[in-house]
Amino acid sequence: MQTVIAHNGKVKVTLDGKVEVLVLFFSVDVPVRRETYVSIASSSKS
């Protein structure tokens, strides 16, 4: 699932997911969450 939230010229992107890891013949589901802020303000060069 991906969530995008705009706030003060920046966008917060959240990625939620699961990673399945195989360790010594056992399968383990590891939840993964990553949040990133991306600036959407335009920078004009003269």
PDB file of N, CA and C in Angstrom:
ATOM      1  N   MET A   1       0.843  -1.174   0.000  1.00  0.00           N
ATOM      2  CA  MET A   1       0.000   0.000   0.000  1.00  0.00           C
ATOM      3  C   MET A   1       0.890   1.239   0.000  1.00  0.00           C
ATOM      4  N   GLN A   2       0.509   2.245  -0.748  1.00  0.00           N
ATOM      5  CA  GLN A   2       1.283   3.473  -0.830  1.00  0.00           C
ATOM      6  C   GLN A   2       0.398   4.648  -0.457  1.00  0.00           C
ATOM      7  N   THR A   3       0.907   5.518   0.398  1.00  0.00           N
ATOM      8  CA  THR A   3       0.155   6.686   0.839  1.00  0.00           C
ATOM      9  C   THR A   3       0.955   7.940   0.519  1.00  0.00           C
ATOM     10  N   VAL A   4       0.285   8.948  -0.024  1.00  0.00           N
ATOM     11  CA  VAL A   4       0.955  10.211  -0.339  1.00  0.00           C
ATOM     12  C   VAL A   4       0.211  11.338   0.362  1.00  0.00           C
ATOM     13  N   ILE A   5       0.924  12.134   1.141  1.00  0.00           N
ATOM     14  CA  ILE A   5       0.329  13.253   1.867  1.00  0.00           C
ATOM     15  C   ILE A   5       1.141  14.516   1.565  1.00  0.00           C
ATOM     16  N   ALA A   6       0.467  15.570   1.075  1.00  0.00           N
ATOM     17  CA  ALA A   6       1.152  16.832   0.782  1.00  0.00           C
ATOM     18  C   ALA A   6       1.110  17.725   2.020  1.00  0.00           C
ATOM     19  N   HIS A   7       2.240  18.382   2.330  1.00  0.00           N
ATOM     20  CA  HIS A   7       2.310  19.235   3.514  1.00  0.00           C
ATOM     21  C   HIS A   7       3.425  20.263   3.336  1.00  0.00           C
ATOM     22  N   ASN A   8       3.056  21.537   3.297  1.00  0.00           N
ATOM     23  CA  ASN A   8       4.026  22.643   3.223  1.00  0.00           C
ATOM     24  C   ASN A   8       5.067  22.479   2.118  1.00  0.00           C
ATOM     25  N   GLY A   9       4.627  22.175   0.912  1.00  0.00           N
ATOM     26  CA  GLY A   9       5.555  22.060  -0.206  1.00  0.00           C
ATOM     27  C   GLY A   9       6.349  20.774  -0.229  1.00  0.00           C
ATOM     28  N   LYS A  10       6.050  19.859   0.675  1.00  0.00           N
ATOM     29  CA  LYS A  10       6.721  18.560   0.680  1.00  0.00           C
ATOM     30  C   LYS A  10       5.671  17.469   0.619  1.00  0.00           C
ATOM     31  N   VAL A  11       6.050  16.346   0.082  1.00  0.00           N
ATOM     32  CA  VAL A  11       5.143  15.212  -0.010  1.00  0.00           C
ATOM     33  C   VAL A  11       5.710  14.075   0.827  1.00  0.00           C
ATOM     34  N   LYS A  12       4.867  13.518   1.691  1.00  0.00           N
ATOM     35  CA  LYS A  12       5.278  12.371   2.498  1.00  0.00           C
ATOM     36  C   LYS A  12       4.781  11.115   1.802  1.00  0.00           C
ATOM     37  N   VAL A  13       5.707  10.250   1.429  1.00  0.00           N
ATOM     38  CA  VAL A  13       5.356   9.007   0.753  1.00  0.00           C
ATOM     39  C   VAL A  13       5.629   7.863   1.717  1.00  0.00           C
ATOM     40  N   THR A  14       4.608   7.072   1.981  1.00  0.00           N
ATOM     41  CA  THR A  14       4.743   5.940   2.893  1.00  0.00           C
ATOM     42  C   THR A  14       4.503   4.643   2.137  1.00  0.00           C
ATOM     43  N   LEU A  15       5.431   3.726   2.257  1.00  0.00           N
ATOM     44  CA  LEU A  15       5.288   2.420   1.624  1.00  0.00           C
ATOM     45  C   LEU A  15       5.168   1.366   2.719  1.00  0.00           C
ATOM     46  N   ASP A  16       4.098   0.603   2.678  1.00  0.00           N
ATOM     47  CA  ASP A  16       3.906  -0.490   3.630  1.00  0.00           C
ATOM     48  C   ASP A  16       3.949  -1.801   2.863  1.00  0.00           C
ATOM     49  N   GLY A  17       4.605  -2.782   3.438  1.00  0.00           N
ATOM     50  CA  GLY A  17       4.666  -4.068   2.758  1.00  0.00           C
ATOM     51  C   GLY A  17       5.198  -5.144   3.684  1.00  0.00           C
ATOM     52  N   LYS A  18       5.437  -6.296   3.107  1.00  0.00           N
ATOM     53  CA  LYS A  18       5.947  -7.431   3.860  1.00  0.00           C
ATOM     54  C   LYS A  18       7.057  -8.095   3.066  1.00  0.00           C
ATOM     55  N   VAL A  19       8.099  -8.522   3.752  1.00  0.00           N
ATOM     56  CA  VAL A  19       9.189  -9.244   3.118  1.00  0.00           C
ATOM     57  C   VAL A  19       9.222 -10.638   3.721  1.00  0.00           C
ATOM     58  N   GLU A  20       9.216 -11.640   2.853  1.00  0.00           N
ATOM     59  CA  GLU A  20       9.271 -13.019   3.340  1.00  0.00           C
ATOM     60  C   GLU A  20      10.724 -13.477   3.310  1.00  0.00           C
ATOM     61  N   VAL A  21      11.229 -13.851   4.478  1.00  0.00           N
ATOM     62  CA  VAL A  21      12.626 -14.250   4.614  1.00  0.00           C
ATOM     63  C   VAL A  21      12.694 -15.730   4.966  1.00  0.00           C
ATOM     64  N   LEU A  22      13.591 -16.445   4.298  1.00  0.00           N
ATOM     65  CA  LEU A  22      13.771 -17.870   4.583  1.00  0.00           C
ATOM     66  C   LEU A  22      15.033 -18.037   5.418  1.00  0.00           C
ATOM     67  N   VAL A  23      14.860 -18.475   6.675  1.00  0.00           N
ATOM     68  CA  VAL A  23      15.985 -18.649   7.578  1.00  0.00           C
ATOM     69  C   VAL A  23      15.971 -20.075   8.117  1.00  0.00           C
ATOM     70  N   LEU A  24      16.994 -20.825   7.811  1.00  0.00           N
ATOM     71  CA  LEU A  24      17.131 -22.207   8.287  1.00  0.00           C
ATOM     72  C   LEU A  24      15.845 -23.005   8.096  1.00  0.00           C
ATOM     73  N   PHE A  25      15.312 -22.988   6.886  1.00  0.00           N
ATOM     74  CA  PHE A  25      14.105 -23.729   6.503  1.00  0.00           C
ATOM     75  C   PHE A  25      12.826 -23.186   7.131  1.00  0.00           C
ATOM     76  N   PHE A  26      12.900 -22.039   7.808  1.00  0.00           N
ATOM     77  CA  PHE A  26      11.706 -21.413   8.368  1.00  0.00           C
ATOM     78  C   PHE A  26      11.411 -20.134   7.588  1.00  0.00           C
ATOM     79  N   SER A  27      10.163 -19.965   7.218  1.00  0.00           N
ATOM     80  CA  SER A  27       9.761 -18.758   6.495  1.00  0.00           C
ATOM     81  C   SER A  27       9.234 -17.737   7.495  1.00  0.00           C
ATOM     82  N   VAL A  28       9.795 -16.544   7.468  1.00  0.00           N
ATOM     83  CA  VAL A  28       9.404 -15.495   8.400  1.00  0.00           C
ATOM     84  C   VAL A  28       8.942 -14.275   7.614  1.00  0.00           C
ATOM     85  N   ASP A  29       7.756 -13.751   7.944  1.00  0.00           N
ATOM     86  CA  ASP A  29       7.262 -12.532   7.315  1.00  0.00           C
ATOM     87  C   ASP A  29       7.704 -11.331   8.149  1.00  0.00           C
ATOM     88  N   VAL A  30       8.402 -10.410   7.521  1.00  0.00           N
ATOM     89  CA  VAL A  30       8.892  -9.226   8.210  1.00  0.00           C
ATOM     90  C   VAL A  30       8.170  -8.001   7.660  1.00  0.00           C
ATOM     91  N   PRO A  31       7.412  -7.284   8.513  1.00  0.00           N
ATOM     92  CA  PRO A  31       6.735  -6.076   8.035  1.00  0.00           C
ATOM     93  C   PRO A  31       7.747  -4.970   7.741  1.00  0.00           C
ATOM     94  N   VAL A  32       7.513  -4.256   6.654  1.00  0.00           N
ATOM     95  CA  VAL A  32       8.428  -3.194   6.238  1.00  0.00           C
ATOM     96  C   VAL A  32       7.642  -1.903   6.071  1.00  0.00           C
ATOM     97  N   ARG A  33       8.168  -0.829   6.617  1.00  0.00           N
ATOM     98  CA  ARG A  33       7.528   0.484   6.448  1.00  0.00           C
ATOM     99  C   ARG A  33       8.622   1.510   6.174  1.00  0.00           C
ATOM    100  N   ARG A  34       8.423   2.278   5.132  1.00  0.00           N
ATOM    101  CA  ARG A  34       9.407   3.298   4.789  1.00  0.00           C
ATOM    102  C   ARG A  34       8.695   4.607   4.506  1.00  0.00           C
ATOM    103  N   GLU A  35       9.155   5.668   5.154  1.00  0.00           N
ATOM    104  CA  GLU A  35       8.563   6.986   4.946  1.00  0.00           C
ATOM    105  C   GLU A  35       9.632   7.912   4.369  1.00  0.00           C
ATOM    106  N   THR A  36       9.268   8.615   3.328  1.00  0.00           N
ATOM    107  CA  THR A  36      10.200   9.516   2.663  1.00  0.00           C
ATOM    108  C   THR A  36       9.523  10.850   2.415  1.00  0.00           C
ATOM    109  N   TYR A  37      10.232  11.928   2.656  1.00  0.00           N
ATOM    110  CA  TYR A  37       9.708  13.257   2.351  1.00  0.00           C
ATOM    111  C   TYR A  37      10.374  13.760   1.076  1.00  0.00           C
ATOM    112  N   VAL A  38       9.552  14.173   0.123  1.00  0.00           N
ATOM    113  CA  VAL A  38      10.054  14.658  -1.156  1.00  0.00           C
ATOM    114  C   VAL A  38       9.597  16.097  -1.342  1.00  0.00           C
ATOM    115  N   SER A  39      10.527  16.981  -1.645  1.00  0.00           N
ATOM    116  CA  SER A  39      10.191  18.390  -1.852  1.00  0.00           C
ATOM    117  C   SER A  39       9.590  18.581  -3.234  1.00  0.00           C
ATOM    118  N   ILE A  40       8.438  19.274  -3.281  1.00  0.00           N
ATOM    119  CA  ILE A  40       7.788  19.514  -4.568  1.00  0.00           C
ATOM    120  C   ILE A  40       7.840  20.990  -4.935  1.00  0.00           C
ATOM    121  N   ALA A  41       8.577  21.772  -4.149  1.00  0.00           N
ATOM    122  CA  ALA A  41       8.701  23.203  -4.435  1.00  0.00           C
ATOM    123  C   ALA A  41       9.552  23.384  -5.684  1.00  0.00           C
ATOM    124  N   SER A  42       9.089  24.225  -6.593  1.00  0.00           N
ATOM    125  CA  SER A  42       9.829  24.443  -7.832  1.00  0.00           C
ATOM    126  C   SER A  42      10.995  25.385  -7.581  1.00  0.00           C
ATOM    127  N   SER A  43      12.144  25.015  -8.128  1.00  0.00           N
ATOM    128  CA  SER A  43      13.320  25.873  -7.996  1.00  0.00           C
ATOM    129  C   SER A  43      13.608  26.479  -9.363  1.00  0.00           C
ATOM    130  N   SER A  44      13.490  27.795  -9.442  1.00  0.00           N
ATOM    131  CA  SER A  44      13.722  28.463 -10.725  1.00  0.00           C
ATOM    132  C   SER A  44      15.137  29.020 -10.763  1.00  0.00           C
ATOM    133  N   LYS A  45      15.819  28.768 -11.880  1.00  0.00           N
ATOM    134  CA  LYS A  45      17.185  29.268 -12.044  1.00  0.00           C
ATOM    135  C   LYS A  45      17.169  30.382 -13.075  1.00  0.00           C
ATOM    136  N   SER A  46      17.937  31.445 -12.817  1.00  0.00           N
ATOM    137  CA  SER A  46      17.983  32.554 -13.766  1.00  0.00           C
ATOM    138  C   SER A  46      19.238  32.459 -14.599  1.00  0.00           C
TER     139      SER A  46
END
